[in-house]
Amino acid sequence: MIKGFIGTSLVDYPGKISSVIFTYGCNYRCPFCYNVDLVLPERYKKLKNLSEDWVIEELKRRKGFIKGVVITGGEPTLWGKRLVSFIEEVRSQTGLPVKLDTNGSSPELVEELVISGLVDFFAIDFKTSPDRYAELGGDFALVEQTFRVLKNIADRVEIRVTMYPPLLTEKDLEKMVPYLAWFKRIALQKFVPENTLKKDLVGEVNPEFYHRVDAYLKERLPEVSIVKRY
């Protein structure tokens, strides 16, 4: 289940020094994805498996310094009950709060994690407008269900938008705004063209595009906190 581990991160868990755990496998194929080694089977099969026991021991060893644990991917929710059991073990062994990064494609699992209280903070990627999710191999109906679950704990959710121009036109943003309005925190993430899933990309993005997206969302969502990561 686990192919990567970073002992210390200052940026992955808002407001907390954390360790980051990387699961492998993903059900989406986003052209701007930069974690290609965790998405493509021919890549992740070459990576070493890290045992869950080893990871938990590393977390325990760092407990006096780190203040949280981030589980990301790939798409962690693909691991279903095994993921739930692992989070239970992390919580019982370390007592540290857990943040989960997800694409929102497993609403029932997310709901289970919300009800159980096992996950303290969620980050969910909003890729593009609802009617374009099929281009990524996704089903927005599932993502919408996840949004509806998480809007009930909106103060513990970050919606992440990667600013990749082909999937983020003004028309796309217009269709995304009604869902973004359900939440309190949106993170605008820089598109990094190196080592992405799709190679015929747009290259470096003009910073003016980032500013236009930021201004557009601020005008339509004045009550929402927008975090700039670009």
C-alpha atoms as a PDB file:
ATOM      1  CA  MET A   1       0.000   0.000   0.000  1.00  0.00           C
ATOM      2  CA  ILE A   2       2.818   2.435   0.851  1.00  0.00           C
ATOM      3  CA  LYS A   3       5.579   3.385  -1.571  1.00  0.00           C
ATOM      4  CA  GLY A   4       6.928   6.594  -0.064  1.00  0.00           C
ATOM      5  CA  PHE A   5       7.555   8.396   3.219  1.00  0.00           C
ATOM      6  CA  ILE A   6       8.799  11.885   4.081  1.00  0.00           C
ATOM      7  CA  GLY A   7       9.764  12.300   7.703  1.00  0.00           C
ATOM      8  CA  THR A   8       9.273  16.053   7.944  1.00  0.00           C
ATOM      9  CA  SER A   9       7.143  18.460   5.923  1.00  0.00           C
ATOM     10  CA  LEU A  10       6.288  22.068   6.669  1.00  0.00           C
ATOM     11  CA  VAL A  11       3.720  22.486   3.883  1.00  0.00           C
ATOM     12  CA  ASP A  12       1.471  19.425   3.589  1.00  0.00           C
ATOM     13  CA  TYR A  13      -0.670  19.845   6.722  1.00  0.00           C
ATOM     14  CA  PRO A  14      -1.904  23.424   7.217  1.00  0.00           C
ATOM     15  CA  GLY A  15      -0.454  24.815  10.406  1.00  0.00           C
ATOM     16  CA  LYS A  16       1.378  21.647  11.427  1.00  0.00           C
ATOM     17  CA  ILE A  17       4.775  20.042  10.970  1.00  0.00           C
ATOM     18  CA  SER A  18       3.956  16.608   9.607  1.00  0.00           C
ATOM     19  CA  SER A  19       5.203  13.351   8.177  1.00  0.00           C
ATOM     20  CA  VAL A  20       3.841  12.371   4.764  1.00  0.00           C
ATOM     21  CA  ILE A  21       2.877   8.855   3.665  1.00  0.00           C
ATOM     22  CA  PHE A  22       2.444   8.050  -0.033  1.00  0.00           C
ATOM     23  CA  THR A  23       0.164   5.243  -1.181  1.00  0.00           C
ATOM     24  CA  TYR A  24       0.265   3.990  -4.752  1.00  0.00           C
ATOM     25  CA  GLY A  25      -2.318   3.500  -7.472  1.00  0.00           C
ATOM     26  CA  CYS A  26      -4.848   5.977  -8.846  1.00  0.00           C
ATOM     27  CA  ASN A  27      -8.124   5.714 -10.724  1.00  0.00           C
ATOM     28  CA  TYR A  28      -7.653   9.083 -12.480  1.00  0.00           C
ATOM     29  CA  ARG A  29      -5.308  10.109 -15.261  1.00  0.00           C
ATOM     30  CA  CYS A  30      -4.909  13.850 -14.827  1.00  0.00           C
ATOM     31  CA  PRO A  31      -2.605  15.324 -17.490  1.00  0.00           C
ATOM     32  CA  PHE A  32      -1.003  17.693 -14.961  1.00  0.00           C
ATOM     33  CA  CYS A  33      -0.249  14.938 -12.403  1.00  0.00           C
ATOM     34  CA  TYR A  34       3.300  15.124 -11.079  1.00  0.00           C
ATOM     35  CA  ASN A  35       3.204  11.933  -8.961  1.00  0.00           C
ATOM     36  CA  VAL A  36       3.466   9.740 -12.041  1.00  0.00           C
ATOM     37  CA  ASP A  37       5.569   7.122 -10.239  1.00  0.00           C
ATOM     38  CA  LEU A  38       2.627   6.456  -7.909  1.00  0.00           C
ATOM     39  CA  VAL A  39      -0.019   6.405 -10.653  1.00  0.00           C
ATOM     40  CA  LEU A  40       1.296   4.247 -13.500  1.00  0.00           C
ATOM     41  CA  PRO A  41       1.610   0.507 -12.723  1.00  0.00           C
ATOM     42  CA  GLU A  42       4.766   0.165 -14.797  1.00  0.00           C
ATOM     43  CA  ARG A  43       6.336   2.839 -12.591  1.00  0.00           C
ATOM     44  CA  TYR A  44       5.132   1.962  -9.094  1.00  0.00           C
ATOM     45  CA  LYS A  45       5.933  -1.736  -9.513  1.00  0.00           C
ATOM     46  CA  LYS A  46       9.587  -0.697  -9.548  1.00  0.00           C
ATOM     47  CA  LEU A  47       9.319   1.123  -6.224  1.00  0.00           C
ATOM     48  CA  LYS A  48      10.059  -0.529  -2.911  1.00  0.00           C
ATOM     49  CA  ASN A  49       7.102  -1.418  -0.688  1.00  0.00           C
ATOM     50  CA  LEU A  50       7.290   0.123   2.770  1.00  0.00           C
ATOM     51  CA  SER A  51       5.714  -1.914   5.541  1.00  0.00           C
ATOM     52  CA  GLU A  52       2.984  -0.270   7.561  1.00  0.00           C
ATOM     53  CA  ASP A  53       4.710  -1.348  10.786  1.00  0.00           C
ATOM     54  CA  TRP A  54       7.925   0.370   9.710  1.00  0.00           C
ATOM     55  CA  VAL A  55       6.070   3.579   8.879  1.00  0.00           C
ATOM     56  CA  ILE A  56       4.309   3.605  12.253  1.00  0.00           C
ATOM     57  CA  GLU A  57       7.625   3.105  14.044  1.00  0.00           C
ATOM     58  CA  GLU A  58       9.038   6.066  12.108  1.00  0.00           C
ATOM     59  CA  LEU A  59       6.055   8.166  13.153  1.00  0.00           C
ATOM     60  CA  LYS A  60       6.504   7.171  16.791  1.00  0.00           C
ATOM     61  CA  ARG A  61      10.191   8.054  16.593  1.00  0.00           C
ATOM     62  CA  ARG A  62       9.313  11.539  15.357  1.00  0.00           C
ATOM     63  CA  LYS A  63       6.339  12.108  17.627  1.00  0.00           C
ATOM     64  CA  GLY A  64       8.060  14.717  19.765  1.00  0.00           C
ATOM     65  CA  PHE A  65       8.678  16.857  16.682  1.00  0.00           C
ATOM     66  CA  ILE A  66       5.899  16.272  14.161  1.00  0.00           C
ATOM     67  CA  LYS A  67       2.371  17.384  15.006  1.00  0.00           C
ATOM     68  CA  GLY A  68       0.426  15.534  12.313  1.00  0.00           C
ATOM     69  CA  VAL A  69       0.393  12.810   9.669  1.00  0.00           C
ATOM     70  CA  VAL A  70      -0.579  13.254   6.015  1.00  0.00           C
ATOM     71  CA  ILE A  71      -1.709  10.341   3.838  1.00  0.00           C
ATOM     72  CA  THR A  72      -1.578  11.099   0.138  1.00  0.00           C
ATOM     73  CA  GLY A  73      -0.954   9.320  -3.135  1.00  0.00           C
ATOM     74  CA  GLY A  74      -1.826   8.263  -5.757  1.00  0.00           C
ATOM     75  CA  GLU A  75      -5.326   7.895  -4.406  1.00  0.00           C
ATOM     76  CA  PRO A  76      -5.340   6.524  -0.841  1.00  0.00           C
ATOM     77  CA  THR A  77      -9.058   5.685  -0.735  1.00  0.00           C
ATOM     78  CA  LEU A  78      -8.557   2.934  -3.328  1.00  0.00           C
ATOM     79  CA  TRP A  79      -7.188   0.866  -0.429  1.00  0.00           C
ATOM     80  CA  GLY A  80     -10.559   0.830   1.297  1.00  0.00           C
ATOM     81  CA  LYS A  81     -10.700  -1.063   4.605  1.00  0.00           C
ATOM     82  CA  ARG A  82      -6.950  -1.510   4.641  1.00  0.00           C
ATOM     83  CA  LEU A  83      -6.562   2.265   4.682  1.00  0.00           C
ATOM     84  CA  VAL A  84      -9.097   2.558   7.495  1.00  0.00           C
ATOM     85  CA  SER A  85      -7.267  -0.078   9.541  1.00  0.00           C
ATOM     86  CA  PHE A  86      -3.954   1.674   8.960  1.00  0.00           C
ATOM     87  CA  ILE A  87      -5.325   5.034  10.078  1.00  0.00           C
ATOM     88  CA  GLU A  88      -6.781   3.373  13.175  1.00  0.00           C
ATOM     89  CA  GLU A  89      -3.325   1.991  13.944  1.00  0.00           C
ATOM     90  CA  VAL A  90      -1.646   5.355  13.374  1.00  0.00           C
ATOM     91  CA  ARG A  91      -4.093   7.014  15.740  1.00  0.00           C
ATOM     92  CA  SER A  92      -3.809   4.359  18.449  1.00  0.00           C
ATOM     93  CA  GLN A  93      -0.011   4.108  18.272  1.00  0.00           C
ATOM     94  CA  THR A  94       0.853   7.800  17.939  1.00  0.00           C
ATOM     95  CA  GLY A  95      -2.189   9.874  18.922  1.00  0.00           C
ATOM     96  CA  LEU A  96      -1.334  12.244  16.076  1.00  0.00           C
ATOM     97  CA  PRO A  97      -4.017  13.945  13.964  1.00  0.00           C
ATOM     98  CA  VAL A  98      -4.349  12.647  10.407  1.00  0.00           C
ATOM     99  CA  LYS A  99      -4.938  14.567   7.185  1.00  0.00           C
ATOM    100  CA  LEU A 100      -6.144  12.698   4.110  1.00  0.00           C
ATOM    101  CA  ASP A 101      -5.647  13.866   0.524  1.00  0.00           C
ATOM    102  CA  THR A 102      -8.200  12.470  -1.930  1.00  0.00           C
ATOM    103  CA  ASN A 103      -9.699  13.009  -5.372  1.00  0.00           C
ATOM    104  CA  GLY A 104     -13.171  12.462  -3.906  1.00  0.00           C
ATOM    105  CA  SER A 105     -14.016   9.312  -5.836  1.00  0.00           C
ATOM    106  CA  SER A 106     -14.876   7.210  -2.747  1.00  0.00           C
ATOM    107  CA  PRO A 107     -17.681   9.066  -0.944  1.00  0.00           C
ATOM    108  CA  GLU A 108     -18.758   6.099   1.200  1.00  0.00           C
ATOM    109  CA  LEU A 109     -15.253   5.632   2.572  1.00  0.00           C
ATOM    110  CA  VAL A 110     -14.868   9.356   3.211  1.00  0.00           C
ATOM    111  CA  GLU A 111     -18.186   9.343   5.055  1.00  0.00           C
ATOM    112  CA  GLU A 112     -16.998   6.421   7.191  1.00  0.00           C
ATOM    113  CA  LEU A 113     -13.826   8.338   8.061  1.00  0.00           C
ATOM    114  CA  VAL A 114     -15.830  11.455   8.944  1.00  0.00           C
ATOM    115  CA  ILE A 115     -18.318   9.589  11.140  1.00  0.00           C
ATOM    116  CA  SER A 116     -15.599   7.625  12.917  1.00  0.00           C
ATOM    117  CA  GLY A 117     -13.525  10.745  13.525  1.00  0.00           C
ATOM    118  CA  LEU A 118     -10.396   8.974  12.321  1.00  0.00           C
ATOM    119  CA  VAL A 119      -9.401  11.791   9.961  1.00  0.00           C
ATOM    120  CA  ASP A 120      -9.015  15.304  11.330  1.00  0.00           C
ATOM    121  CA  PHE A 121      -8.532  17.227   8.088  1.00  0.00           C
ATOM    122  CA  PHE A 122      -9.361  16.521   4.444  1.00  0.00           C
ATOM    123  CA  ALA A 123      -7.878  17.963   1.272  1.00  0.00           C
ATOM    124  CA  ILE A 124      -9.866  17.228  -1.854  1.00  0.00           C
ATOM    125  CA  ASP A 125      -8.806  18.089  -5.372  1.00  0.00           C
ATOM    126  CA  PHE A 126     -11.340  19.838  -7.596  1.00  0.00           C
ATOM    127  CA  LYS A 127      -9.917  19.081 -11.018  1.00  0.00           C
ATOM    128  CA  THR A 128     -12.150  20.888 -13.491  1.00  0.00           C
ATOM    129  CA  SER A 129     -15.817  21.585 -14.216  1.00  0.00           C
ATOM    130  CA  PRO A 130     -18.191  18.701 -13.428  1.00  0.00           C
ATOM    131  CA  ASP A 131     -18.958  17.871 -17.055  1.00  0.00           C
ATOM    132  CA  ARG A 132     -15.264  17.414 -17.904  1.00  0.00           C
ATOM    133  CA  TYR A 133     -14.376  14.816 -15.269  1.00  0.00           C
ATOM    134  CA  ALA A 134     -14.764  12.029 -17.836  1.00  0.00           C
ATOM    135  CA  GLU A 135     -11.682  13.441 -19.610  1.00  0.00           C
ATOM    136  CA  LEU A 136      -9.686  12.420 -16.532  1.00  0.00           C
ATOM    137  CA  GLY A 137     -11.294   9.011 -16.130  1.00  0.00           C
ATOM    138  CA  GLY A 138     -13.434  10.250 -13.261  1.00  0.00           C
ATOM    139  CA  ASP A 139     -17.115  10.425 -12.369  1.00  0.00           C
ATOM    140  CA  PHE A 140     -18.163  13.747 -10.891  1.00  0.00           C
ATOM    141  CA  ALA A 141     -21.324  12.232  -9.406  1.00  0.00           C
ATOM    142  CA  LEU A 142     -19.062  10.499  -6.869  1.00  0.00           C
ATOM    143  CA  VAL A 143     -17.077  13.660  -6.215  1.00  0.00           C
ATOM    144  CA  GLU A 144     -20.293  15.578  -5.636  1.00  0.00           C
ATOM    145  CA  GLN A 145     -21.338  12.992  -3.053  1.00  0.00           C
ATOM    146  CA  THR A 146     -17.988  13.474  -1.319  1.00  0.00           C
ATOM    147  CA  PHE A 147     -18.455  17.243  -1.372  1.00  0.00           C
ATOM    148  CA  ARG A 148     -21.875  16.816   0.256  1.00  0.00           C
ATOM    149  CA  VAL A 149     -20.331  14.702   3.022  1.00  0.00           C
ATOM    150  CA  LEU A 150     -17.503  17.154   3.636  1.00  0.00           C
ATOM    151  CA  LYS A 151     -19.580  20.347   3.533  1.00  0.00           C
ATOM    152  CA  ASN A 152     -20.864  19.312   6.964  1.00  0.00           C
ATOM    153  CA  ILE A 153     -17.326  19.687   8.340  1.00  0.00           C
ATOM    154  CA  ALA A 154     -16.299  22.566   6.081  1.00  0.00           C
ATOM    155  CA  ASP A 155     -13.968  24.034   8.701  1.00  0.00           C
ATOM    156  CA  ARG A 156     -11.786  20.915   8.391  1.00  0.00           C
ATOM    157  CA  VAL A 157     -11.603  20.795   4.608  1.00  0.00           C
ATOM    158  CA  GLU A 158      -9.358  22.338   1.983  1.00  0.00           C
ATOM    159  CA  ILE A 159     -10.429  22.320  -1.658  1.00  0.00           C
ATOM    160  CA  ARG A 160      -7.368  22.282  -3.908  1.00  0.00           C
ATOM    161  CA  VAL A 161      -7.430  23.628  -7.454  1.00  0.00           C
ATOM    162  CA  THR A 162      -4.406  23.049  -9.672  1.00  0.00           C
ATOM    163  CA  MET A 163      -4.217  25.916 -12.121  1.00  0.00           C
ATOM    164  CA  TYR A 164      -3.780  24.035 -15.380  1.00  0.00           C
ATOM    165  CA  PRO A 165      -5.222  26.329 -18.064  1.00  0.00           C
ATOM    166  CA  PRO A 166      -6.732  23.740 -20.460  1.00  0.00           C
ATOM    167  CA  LEU A 167      -8.988  22.414 -17.674  1.00  0.00           C
ATOM    168  CA  LEU A 168      -9.661  25.740 -15.973  1.00  0.00           C
ATOM    169  CA  THR A 169     -11.291  28.074 -18.457  1.00  0.00           C
ATOM    170  CA  GLU A 170     -13.651  30.783 -17.258  1.00  0.00           C
ATOM    171  CA  LYS A 171     -16.535  28.534 -18.302  1.00  0.00           C
ATOM    172  CA  ASP A 172     -15.096  25.735 -16.142  1.00  0.00           C
ATOM    173  CA  LEU A 173     -14.683  28.052 -13.170  1.00  0.00           C
ATOM    174  CA  GLU A 174     -18.250  29.261 -13.532  1.00  0.00           C
ATOM    175  CA  LYS A 175     -19.490  25.677 -13.159  1.00  0.00           C
ATOM    176  CA  MET A 176     -17.170  24.995 -10.208  1.00  0.00           C
ATOM    177  CA  VAL A 177     -18.150  28.051  -8.136  1.00  0.00           C
ATOM    178  CA  PRO A 178     -21.466  26.685  -6.765  1.00  0.00           C
ATOM    179  CA  TYR A 179     -19.592  23.764  -5.179  1.00  0.00           C
ATOM    180  CA  LEU A 180     -16.662  25.868  -3.999  1.00  0.00           C
ATOM    181  CA  ALA A 181     -19.157  28.047  -2.149  1.00  0.00           C
ATOM    182  CA  TRP A 182     -19.877  25.129   0.204  1.00  0.00           C
ATOM    183  CA  PHE A 183     -16.417  25.390   1.740  1.00  0.00           C
ATOM    184  CA  LYS A 184     -14.324  27.892   3.652  1.00  0.00           C
ATOM    185  CA  ARG A 185     -10.828  27.287   2.300  1.00  0.00           C
ATOM    186  CA  ILE A 186      -9.599  27.007  -1.290  1.00  0.00           C
ATOM    187  CA  ALA A 187      -5.949  26.438  -2.179  1.00  0.00           C
ATOM    188  CA  LEU A 188      -4.825  27.565  -5.625  1.00  0.00           C
ATOM    189  CA  GLN A 189      -1.874  25.422  -6.623  1.00  0.00           C
ATOM    190  CA  LYS A 190       0.765  26.191  -9.204  1.00  0.00           C
ATOM    191  CA  PHE A 191       0.914  23.954 -12.239  1.00  0.00           C
ATOM    192  CA  VAL A 192       4.423  22.479 -12.552  1.00  0.00           C
ATOM    193  CA  PRO A 193       5.062  21.279 -16.116  1.00  0.00           C
ATOM    194  CA  GLU A 194       8.026  19.001 -15.361  1.00  0.00           C
ATOM    195  CA  ASN A 195       7.564  15.209 -15.063  1.00  0.00           C
ATOM    196  CA  THR A 196       3.821  15.272 -15.619  1.00  0.00           C
ATOM    197  CA  LEU A 197       1.620  12.454 -16.863  1.00  0.00           C
ATOM    198  CA  LYS A 198       0.925  14.056 -20.216  1.00  0.00           C
ATOM    199  CA  LYS A 199       3.931  15.411 -22.048  1.00  0.00           C
ATOM    200  CA  ASP A 200       2.334  17.698 -24.674  1.00  0.00           C
ATOM    201  CA  LEU A 201       1.443  20.261 -22.073  1.00  0.00           C
ATOM    202  CA  VAL A 202       1.197  24.019 -22.031  1.00  0.00           C
ATOM    203  CA  GLY A 203       4.672  24.688 -20.657  1.00  0.00           C
ATOM    204  CA  GLU A 204       5.238  27.431 -18.122  1.00  0.00           C
ATOM    205  CA  VAL A 205       2.043  29.259 -17.267  1.00  0.00           C
ATOM    206  CA  ASN A 206       1.959  33.035 -17.417  1.00  0.00           C
ATOM    207  CA  PRO A 207       1.540  34.292 -13.826  1.00  0.00           C
ATOM    208  CA  GLU A 208      -1.210  36.555 -15.130  1.00  0.00           C
ATOM    209  CA  PHE A 209      -3.392  33.454 -15.509  1.00  0.00           C
ATOM    210  CA  TYR A 210      -2.982  32.657 -11.816  1.00  0.00           C
ATOM    211  CA  HIS A 211      -3.924  36.202 -10.867  1.00  0.00           C
ATOM    212  CA  ARG A 212      -7.027  36.110 -13.097  1.00  0.00           C
ATOM    213  CA  VAL A 213      -8.229  32.875 -11.468  1.00  0.00           C
ATOM    214  CA  ASP A 214      -7.587  34.293  -8.013  1.00  0.00           C
ATOM    215  CA  ALA A 215      -9.450  37.525  -8.822  1.00  0.00           C
ATOM    216  CA  TYR A 216     -12.358  35.632 -10.400  1.00  0.00           C
ATOM    217  CA  LEU A 217     -12.858  33.443  -7.333  1.00  0.00           C
ATOM    218  CA  LYS A 218     -12.437  36.292  -4.864  1.00  0.00           C
ATOM    219  CA  GLU A 219     -15.115  38.287  -6.659  1.00  0.00           C
ATOM    220  CA  ARG A 220     -17.615  35.410  -6.626  1.00  0.00           C
ATOM    221  CA  LEU A 221     -16.687  33.872  -3.282  1.00  0.00           C
ATOM    222  CA  PRO A 222     -15.900  36.802  -0.982  1.00  0.00           C
ATOM    223  CA  GLU A 223     -16.539  34.757   2.174  1.00  0.00           C
ATOM    224  CA  VAL A 224     -14.068  32.017   1.246  1.00  0.00           C
ATOM    225  CA  SER A 225     -10.418  32.067   2.292  1.00  0.00           C
ATOM    226  CA  ILE A 226      -8.162  31.609  -0.748  1.00  0.00           C
ATOM    227  CA  VAL A 227      -4.658  30.298  -0.171  1.00  0.00           C
ATOM    228  CA  LYS A 228      -2.090  31.017  -2.878  1.00  0.00           C
ATOM    229  CA  ARG A 229       0.469  28.316  -3.609  1.00  0.00           C
ATOM    230  CA  TYR A 230       2.044  29.837  -6.687  1.00  0.00           C
END
